[in-house]
């Protein structure tokens, strides 16, 4: 039997670790909320269906509370563009909004870009909020008999409807679960992920 050289074994250089998704990427979730500025007018909806001899409920009248408010439209357009930039720099991971970003990009370009987008988003929101009360006065002219002052939240209430948040979390330290685990392990993990996704869904519904 050939003798084992223990000294050589202990002095041998350590094996180079094989990179995994968990060590080279991060999960991110970008949440952007905006005030739509729209409202269903039930009275006008009933009037439309009655005027056209239609059955109740077949037509809805949705009002733009501020008409074509340029400041609010700017926030909406920027929010959509920010999402597209986020999507272009990440890869899909789950149906709940989690996306994968390489660690190298996260530490450099991604966080810098998202930070700049957040600052610009709130700058546009503040411009809109500064014009909000004036826009309500303009809406009274634009909407005519559809105008209802009770449908307009306070400025502070509207402010709380705008949100730009980034959530980060590590990828589970088992590599890419979709590739690295056995079928038996996948079945075990499925239950855990179901609970996680259910919690996320419940949180979303509670927020709504």
C-alpha atoms as a PDB file:
ATOM      1  CA  UNK A   1       0.000   0.000   0.000  1.00  0.00           C
ATOM      2  CA  UNK A   2       1.405   3.375  -0.978  1.00  0.00           C
ATOM      3  CA  UNK A   3       2.075   5.714   1.959  1.00  0.00           C
ATOM      4  CA  UNK A   4       0.171   8.991   2.094  1.00  0.00           C
ATOM      5  CA  UNK A   5       2.327  12.092   2.389  1.00  0.00           C
ATOM      6  CA  UNK A   6       0.407  14.009   5.067  1.00  0.00           C
ATOM      7  CA  UNK A   7       2.841  16.920   5.053  1.00  0.00           C
ATOM      8  CA  UNK A   8       2.332  17.489   1.354  1.00  0.00           C
ATOM      9  CA  UNK A   9      -1.412  17.163   1.768  1.00  0.00           C
ATOM     10  CA  UNK A  10      -1.578  19.823   4.500  1.00  0.00           C
ATOM     11  CA  UNK A  11       0.780  22.159   2.637  1.00  0.00           C
ATOM     12  CA  UNK A  12      -1.080  21.873  -0.656  1.00  0.00           C
ATOM     13  CA  UNK A  13      -2.712  25.124  -1.830  1.00  0.00           C
ATOM     14  CA  UNK A  14      -6.445  25.253  -1.099  1.00  0.00           C
ATOM     15  CA  UNK A  15      -8.757  24.445  -3.939  1.00  0.00           C
ATOM     16  CA  UNK A  16     -10.129  27.496  -5.699  1.00  0.00           C
ATOM     17  CA  UNK A  17     -13.778  27.886  -4.702  1.00  0.00           C
ATOM     18  CA  UNK A  18     -16.202  27.627  -7.564  1.00  0.00           C
ATOM     19  CA  UNK A  19     -18.245  30.823  -7.888  1.00  0.00           C
ATOM     20  CA  UNK A  20     -21.972  30.424  -7.308  1.00  0.00           C
ATOM     21  CA  UNK A  21     -24.901  32.720  -7.896  1.00  0.00           C
ATOM     22  CA  UNK A  22     -25.107  33.399  -4.151  1.00  0.00           C
ATOM     23  CA  UNK A  23     -21.530  34.689  -4.119  1.00  0.00           C
ATOM     24  CA  UNK A  24     -21.704  36.697  -7.320  1.00  0.00           C
ATOM     25  CA  UNK A  25     -25.196  38.225  -7.337  1.00  0.00           C
ATOM     26  CA  UNK A  26     -27.770  39.947  -5.128  1.00  0.00           C
ATOM     27  CA  UNK A  27     -31.560  39.922  -5.178  1.00  0.00           C
ATOM     28  CA  UNK A  28     -33.192  43.329  -5.493  1.00  0.00           C
ATOM     29  CA  UNK A  29     -36.787  44.514  -5.568  1.00  0.00           C
ATOM     30  CA  UNK A  30     -37.700  48.025  -6.709  1.00  0.00           C
ATOM     31  CA  UNK A  31     -41.046  49.391  -5.538  1.00  0.00           C
ATOM     32  CA  UNK A  32     -42.372  52.596  -7.110  1.00  0.00           C
ATOM     33  CA  UNK A  33     -45.806  53.915  -6.168  1.00  0.00           C
ATOM     34  CA  UNK A  34     -47.529  56.977  -7.585  1.00  0.00           C
ATOM     35  CA  UNK A  35     -50.861  58.694  -7.108  1.00  0.00           C
ATOM     36  CA  UNK A  36     -52.963  57.984 -10.195  1.00  0.00           C
ATOM     37  CA  UNK A  37     -55.131  61.064  -9.864  1.00  0.00           C
ATOM     38  CA  UNK A  38     -58.112  59.120 -11.227  1.00  0.00           C
ATOM     39  CA  UNK A  39     -61.475  58.326  -9.685  1.00  0.00           C
ATOM     40  CA  UNK A  40     -64.620  56.485 -10.702  1.00  0.00           C
ATOM     41  CA  UNK A  41     -67.636  58.810 -10.877  1.00  0.00           C
ATOM     42  CA  UNK A  42     -70.639  56.624 -10.059  1.00  0.00           C
ATOM     43  CA  UNK A  43     -73.166  59.376 -10.630  1.00  0.00           C
ATOM     44  CA  UNK A  44     -71.815  60.156 -14.089  1.00  0.00           C
ATOM     45  CA  UNK A  45     -71.618  56.438 -14.870  1.00  0.00           C
ATOM     46  CA  UNK A  46     -75.309  55.987 -14.075  1.00  0.00           C
ATOM     47  CA  UNK A  47     -76.171  59.036 -16.163  1.00  0.00           C
ATOM     48  CA  UNK A  48     -74.257  57.677 -19.170  1.00  0.00           C
ATOM     49  CA  UNK A  49     -75.980  54.296 -19.034  1.00  0.00           C
ATOM     50  CA  UNK A  50     -79.420  55.899 -18.567  1.00  0.00           C
ATOM     51  CA  UNK A  51     -78.918  58.377 -21.423  1.00  0.00           C
ATOM     52  CA  UNK A  52     -77.940  55.545 -23.747  1.00  0.00           C
ATOM     53  CA  UNK A  53     -80.671  53.161 -22.545  1.00  0.00           C
ATOM     54  CA  UNK A  54     -77.979  50.728 -21.422  1.00  0.00           C
ATOM     55  CA  UNK A  55     -78.040  48.272 -18.561  1.00  0.00           C
ATOM     56  CA  UNK A  56     -76.630  49.454 -15.261  1.00  0.00           C
ATOM     57  CA  UNK A  57     -72.938  48.697 -14.783  1.00  0.00           C
ATOM     58  CA  UNK A  58     -71.960  48.324 -18.443  1.00  0.00           C
ATOM     59  CA  UNK A  59     -70.160  51.677 -18.600  1.00  0.00           C
ATOM     60  CA  UNK A  60     -67.928  53.532 -16.158  1.00  0.00           C
ATOM     61  CA  UNK A  61     -66.855  57.159 -16.131  1.00  0.00           C
ATOM     62  CA  UNK A  62     -63.345  57.547 -14.746  1.00  0.00           C
ATOM     63  CA  UNK A  63     -62.248  61.111 -14.113  1.00  0.00           C
ATOM     64  CA  UNK A  64     -58.799  62.622 -14.214  1.00  0.00           C
ATOM     65  CA  UNK A  65     -59.121  64.644 -11.034  1.00  0.00           C
ATOM     66  CA  UNK A  66     -56.524  67.148 -12.216  1.00  0.00           C
ATOM     67  CA  UNK A  67     -57.131  66.837 -15.938  1.00  0.00           C
ATOM     68  CA  UNK A  68     -53.917  66.624 -17.934  1.00  0.00           C
ATOM     69  CA  UNK A  69     -51.686  67.859 -15.124  1.00  0.00           C
ATOM     70  CA  UNK A  70     -48.198  68.191 -16.623  1.00  0.00           C
ATOM     71  CA  UNK A  71     -46.446  67.891 -13.242  1.00  0.00           C
ATOM     72  CA  UNK A  72     -48.243  64.644 -12.370  1.00  0.00           C
ATOM     73  CA  UNK A  73     -47.673  63.217 -15.834  1.00  0.00           C
ATOM     74  CA  UNK A  74     -43.957  63.937 -15.456  1.00  0.00           C
ATOM     75  CA  UNK A  75     -43.843  61.836 -12.283  1.00  0.00           C
ATOM     76  CA  UNK A  76     -45.726  58.971 -13.974  1.00  0.00           C
ATOM     77  CA  UNK A  77     -43.434  58.969 -17.002  1.00  0.00           C
ATOM     78  CA  UNK A  78     -40.300  59.125 -14.894  1.00  0.00           C
ATOM     79  CA  UNK A  79     -41.484  56.260 -12.670  1.00  0.00           C
ATOM     80  CA  UNK A  80     -42.092  54.077 -15.722  1.00  0.00           C
ATOM     81  CA  UNK A  81     -38.685  54.976 -17.133  1.00  0.00           C
ATOM     82  CA  UNK A  82     -36.996  54.211 -13.797  1.00  0.00           C
ATOM     83  CA  UNK A  83     -38.565  50.744 -13.809  1.00  0.00           C
ATOM     84  CA  UNK A  84     -37.293  50.121 -17.336  1.00  0.00           C
ATOM     85  CA  UNK A  85     -33.767  51.135 -16.311  1.00  0.00           C
ATOM     86  CA  UNK A  86     -34.009  48.799 -13.308  1.00  0.00           C
ATOM     87  CA  UNK A  87     -35.169  45.951 -15.575  1.00  0.00           C
ATOM     88  CA  UNK A  88     -32.361  46.590 -18.062  1.00  0.00           C
ATOM     89  CA  UNK A  89     -29.725  46.234 -15.329  1.00  0.00           C
ATOM     90  CA  UNK A  90     -31.167  43.119 -13.688  1.00  0.00           C
ATOM     91  CA  UNK A  91     -32.431  39.642 -14.519  1.00  0.00           C
ATOM     92  CA  UNK A  92     -35.789  38.117 -13.512  1.00  0.00           C
ATOM     93  CA  UNK A  93     -35.767  35.810 -10.506  1.00  0.00           C
ATOM     94  CA  UNK A  94     -39.331  35.410  -9.253  1.00  0.00           C
ATOM     95  CA  UNK A  95     -42.861  36.414 -10.157  1.00  0.00           C
ATOM     96  CA  UNK A  96     -43.072  38.559  -7.031  1.00  0.00           C
ATOM     97  CA  UNK A  97     -40.727  41.241  -8.371  1.00  0.00           C
ATOM     98  CA  UNK A  98     -37.367  39.959  -7.147  1.00  0.00           C
ATOM     99  CA  UNK A  99     -34.616  40.369  -9.704  1.00  0.00           C
ATOM    100  CA  UNK A 100     -30.971  39.352  -9.862  1.00  0.00           C
ATOM    101  CA  UNK A 101     -28.119  41.842 -10.219  1.00  0.00           C
ATOM    102  CA  UNK A 102     -24.425  40.848 -10.432  1.00  0.00           C
ATOM    103  CA  UNK A 103     -22.496  41.883  -7.333  1.00  0.00           C
ATOM    104  CA  UNK A 104     -19.894  43.744  -9.396  1.00  0.00           C
ATOM    105  CA  UNK A 105     -22.610  45.888 -10.994  1.00  0.00           C
ATOM    106  CA  UNK A 106     -24.528  46.280  -7.730  1.00  0.00           C
ATOM    107  CA  UNK A 107     -21.522  47.764  -5.942  1.00  0.00           C
ATOM    108  CA  UNK A 108     -20.795  50.226  -8.729  1.00  0.00           C
ATOM    109  CA  UNK A 109     -23.223  51.199 -11.464  1.00  0.00           C
ATOM    110  CA  UNK A 110     -26.522  49.825 -10.136  1.00  0.00           C
ATOM    111  CA  UNK A 111     -26.666  51.470  -6.700  1.00  0.00           C
ATOM    112  CA  UNK A 112     -25.406  54.766  -8.112  1.00  0.00           C
ATOM    113  CA  UNK A 113     -28.025  54.719 -10.856  1.00  0.00           C
ATOM    114  CA  UNK A 114     -30.903  53.812  -8.521  1.00  0.00           C
ATOM    115  CA  UNK A 115     -29.844  56.506  -6.041  1.00  0.00           C
ATOM    116  CA  UNK A 116     -29.852  59.134  -8.793  1.00  0.00           C
ATOM    117  CA  UNK A 117     -33.244  57.930 -10.025  1.00  0.00           C
ATOM    118  CA  UNK A 118     -34.677  58.141  -6.504  1.00  0.00           C
ATOM    119  CA  UNK A 119     -33.467  61.707  -6.060  1.00  0.00           C
ATOM    120  CA  UNK A 120     -34.946  62.773  -9.392  1.00  0.00           C
ATOM    121  CA  UNK A 121     -38.222  60.989  -8.636  1.00  0.00           C
ATOM    122  CA  UNK A 122     -38.760  62.885  -5.387  1.00  0.00           C
ATOM    123  CA  UNK A 123     -37.663  66.144  -7.009  1.00  0.00           C
ATOM    124  CA  UNK A 124     -40.467  65.745  -9.555  1.00  0.00           C
ATOM    125  CA  UNK A 125     -42.898  64.729  -6.801  1.00  0.00           C
ATOM    126  CA  UNK A 126     -42.102  67.911  -4.865  1.00  0.00           C
ATOM    127  CA  UNK A 127     -42.684  70.009  -7.983  1.00  0.00           C
ATOM    128  CA  UNK A 128     -46.091  68.387  -8.381  1.00  0.00           C
ATOM    129  CA  UNK A 129     -47.007  68.825  -4.715  1.00  0.00           C
ATOM    130  CA  UNK A 130     -46.090  72.509  -4.886  1.00  0.00           C
ATOM    131  CA  UNK A 131     -48.605  72.923  -7.723  1.00  0.00           C
ATOM    132  CA  UNK A 132     -51.260  70.576  -6.297  1.00  0.00           C
ATOM    133  CA  UNK A 133     -53.611  73.133  -4.719  1.00  0.00           C
ATOM    134  CA  UNK A 134     -53.419  75.376  -7.759  1.00  0.00           C
ATOM    135  CA  UNK A 135     -54.180  72.396 -10.002  1.00  0.00           C
ATOM    136  CA  UNK A 136     -57.313  71.662  -7.967  1.00  0.00           C
ATOM    137  CA  UNK A 137     -58.550  75.149  -8.775  1.00  0.00           C
ATOM    138  CA  UNK A 138     -57.839  74.559 -12.457  1.00  0.00           C
ATOM    139  CA  UNK A 139     -59.624  71.210 -12.311  1.00  0.00           C
ATOM    140  CA  UNK A 140     -62.851  72.897 -11.269  1.00  0.00           C
ATOM    141  CA  UNK A 141     -62.883  74.665 -14.639  1.00  0.00           C
ATOM    142  CA  UNK A 142     -61.783  71.581 -16.603  1.00  0.00           C
ATOM    143  CA  UNK A 143     -64.266  69.144 -15.046  1.00  0.00           C
ATOM    144  CA  UNK A 144     -67.296  71.393 -14.888  1.00  0.00           C
ATOM    145  CA  UNK A 145     -70.216  69.569 -13.254  1.00  0.00           C
ATOM    146  CA  UNK A 146     -67.985  66.525 -12.702  1.00  0.00           C
ATOM    147  CA  UNK A 147     -65.937  68.444 -10.149  1.00  0.00           C
ATOM    148  CA  UNK A 148     -66.393  67.352  -6.539  1.00  0.00           C
ATOM    149  CA  UNK A 149     -64.122  68.987  -3.927  1.00  0.00           C
ATOM    150  CA  UNK A 150     -64.629  66.070  -1.532  1.00  0.00           C
ATOM    151  CA  UNK A 151     -62.721  63.768  -3.893  1.00  0.00           C
ATOM    152  CA  UNK A 152     -59.389  65.548  -3.416  1.00  0.00           C
ATOM    153  CA  UNK A 153     -57.055  64.322  -0.637  1.00  0.00           C
ATOM    154  CA  UNK A 154     -54.968  66.764   1.352  1.00  0.00           C
ATOM    155  CA  UNK A 155     -51.477  67.562   0.142  1.00  0.00           C
ATOM    156  CA  UNK A 156     -49.956  65.448   2.938  1.00  0.00           C
ATOM    157  CA  UNK A 157     -52.212  62.506   2.059  1.00  0.00           C
ATOM    158  CA  UNK A 158     -51.186  62.730  -1.589  1.00  0.00           C
ATOM    159  CA  UNK A 159     -47.511  62.960  -0.597  1.00  0.00           C
ATOM    160  CA  UNK A 160     -47.787  59.602   1.158  1.00  0.00           C
ATOM    161  CA  UNK A 161     -48.994  57.968  -2.043  1.00  0.00           C
ATOM    162  CA  UNK A 162     -45.610  58.428  -3.723  1.00  0.00           C
ATOM    163  CA  UNK A 163     -42.898  55.929  -2.864  1.00  0.00           C
ATOM    164  CA  UNK A 164     -39.552  54.871  -4.287  1.00  0.00           C
ATOM    165  CA  UNK A 165     -37.981  51.987  -2.367  1.00  0.00           C
ATOM    166  CA  UNK A 166     -35.259  49.473  -3.104  1.00  0.00           C
ATOM    167  CA  UNK A 167     -35.102  46.225  -1.123  1.00  0.00           C
ATOM    168  CA  UNK A 168     -31.977  44.073  -1.255  1.00  0.00           C
ATOM    169  CA  UNK A 169     -31.360  40.562   0.002  1.00  0.00           C
ATOM    170  CA  UNK A 170     -28.732  37.869  -0.543  1.00  0.00           C
ATOM    171  CA  UNK A 171     -29.358  34.919  -2.806  1.00  0.00           C
ATOM    172  CA  UNK A 172     -29.827  31.753  -0.673  1.00  0.00           C
ATOM    173  CA  UNK A 173     -26.381  30.268  -0.062  1.00  0.00           C
ATOM    174  CA  UNK A 174     -26.952  27.086  -2.049  1.00  0.00           C
ATOM    175  CA  UNK A 175     -26.139  28.332  -5.493  1.00  0.00           C
ATOM    176  CA  UNK A 176     -28.956  28.628  -7.992  1.00  0.00           C
ATOM    177  CA  UNK A 177     -31.766  26.601  -6.437  1.00  0.00           C
ATOM    178  CA  UNK A 178     -33.186  25.870  -9.869  1.00  0.00           C
ATOM    179  CA  UNK A 179     -29.975  24.150 -10.923  1.00  0.00           C
ATOM    180  CA  UNK A 180     -28.047  22.931  -7.915  1.00  0.00           C
ATOM    181  CA  UNK A 181     -30.482  20.977  -5.783  1.00  0.00           C
ATOM    182  CA  UNK A 182     -31.828  17.498  -6.230  1.00  0.00           C
ATOM    183  CA  UNK A 183     -35.469  16.729  -6.881  1.00  0.00           C
ATOM    184  CA  UNK A 184     -36.018  15.677  -3.261  1.00  0.00           C
ATOM    185  CA  UNK A 185     -34.439  18.870  -1.970  1.00  0.00           C
ATOM    186  CA  UNK A 186     -36.486  20.901  -4.428  1.00  0.00           C
ATOM    187  CA  UNK A 187     -39.708  19.399  -3.021  1.00  0.00           C
ATOM    188  CA  UNK A 188     -38.615  20.312   0.484  1.00  0.00           C
ATOM    189  CA  UNK A 189     -37.737  23.843  -0.491  1.00  0.00           C
ATOM    190  CA  UNK A 190     -40.968  24.325  -2.432  1.00  0.00           C
ATOM    191  CA  UNK A 191     -43.006  24.461   0.774  1.00  0.00           C
ATOM    192  CA  UNK A 192     -40.693  27.045   2.316  1.00  0.00           C
ATOM    193  CA  UNK A 193     -40.811  29.208  -0.773  1.00  0.00           C
ATOM    194  CA  UNK A 194     -44.595  28.889  -0.928  1.00  0.00           C
ATOM    195  CA  UNK A 195     -44.814  30.313   2.604  1.00  0.00           C
ATOM    196  CA  UNK A 196     -42.463  33.129   1.674  1.00  0.00           C
ATOM    197  CA  UNK A 197     -44.391  34.045  -1.451  1.00  0.00           C
ATOM    198  CA  UNK A 198     -47.716  33.842   0.414  1.00  0.00           C
ATOM    199  CA  UNK A 199     -46.394  36.269   3.001  1.00  0.00           C
ATOM    200  CA  UNK A 200     -45.206  38.651   0.312  1.00  0.00           C
ATOM    201  CA  UNK A 201     -48.588  38.470  -1.417  1.00  0.00           C
ATOM    202  CA  UNK A 202     -50.475  39.100   1.812  1.00  0.00           C
ATOM    203  CA  UNK A 203     -48.286  42.112   2.513  1.00  0.00           C
ATOM    204  CA  UNK A 204     -49.015  43.470  -0.948  1.00  0.00           C
ATOM    205  CA  UNK A 205     -52.761  43.012  -0.516  1.00  0.00           C
ATOM    206  CA  UNK A 206     -52.662  44.654   2.927  1.00  0.00           C
ATOM    207  CA  UNK A 207     -50.823  47.599   1.406  1.00  0.00           C
ATOM    208  CA  UNK A 208     -53.531  47.927  -1.234  1.00  0.00           C
END
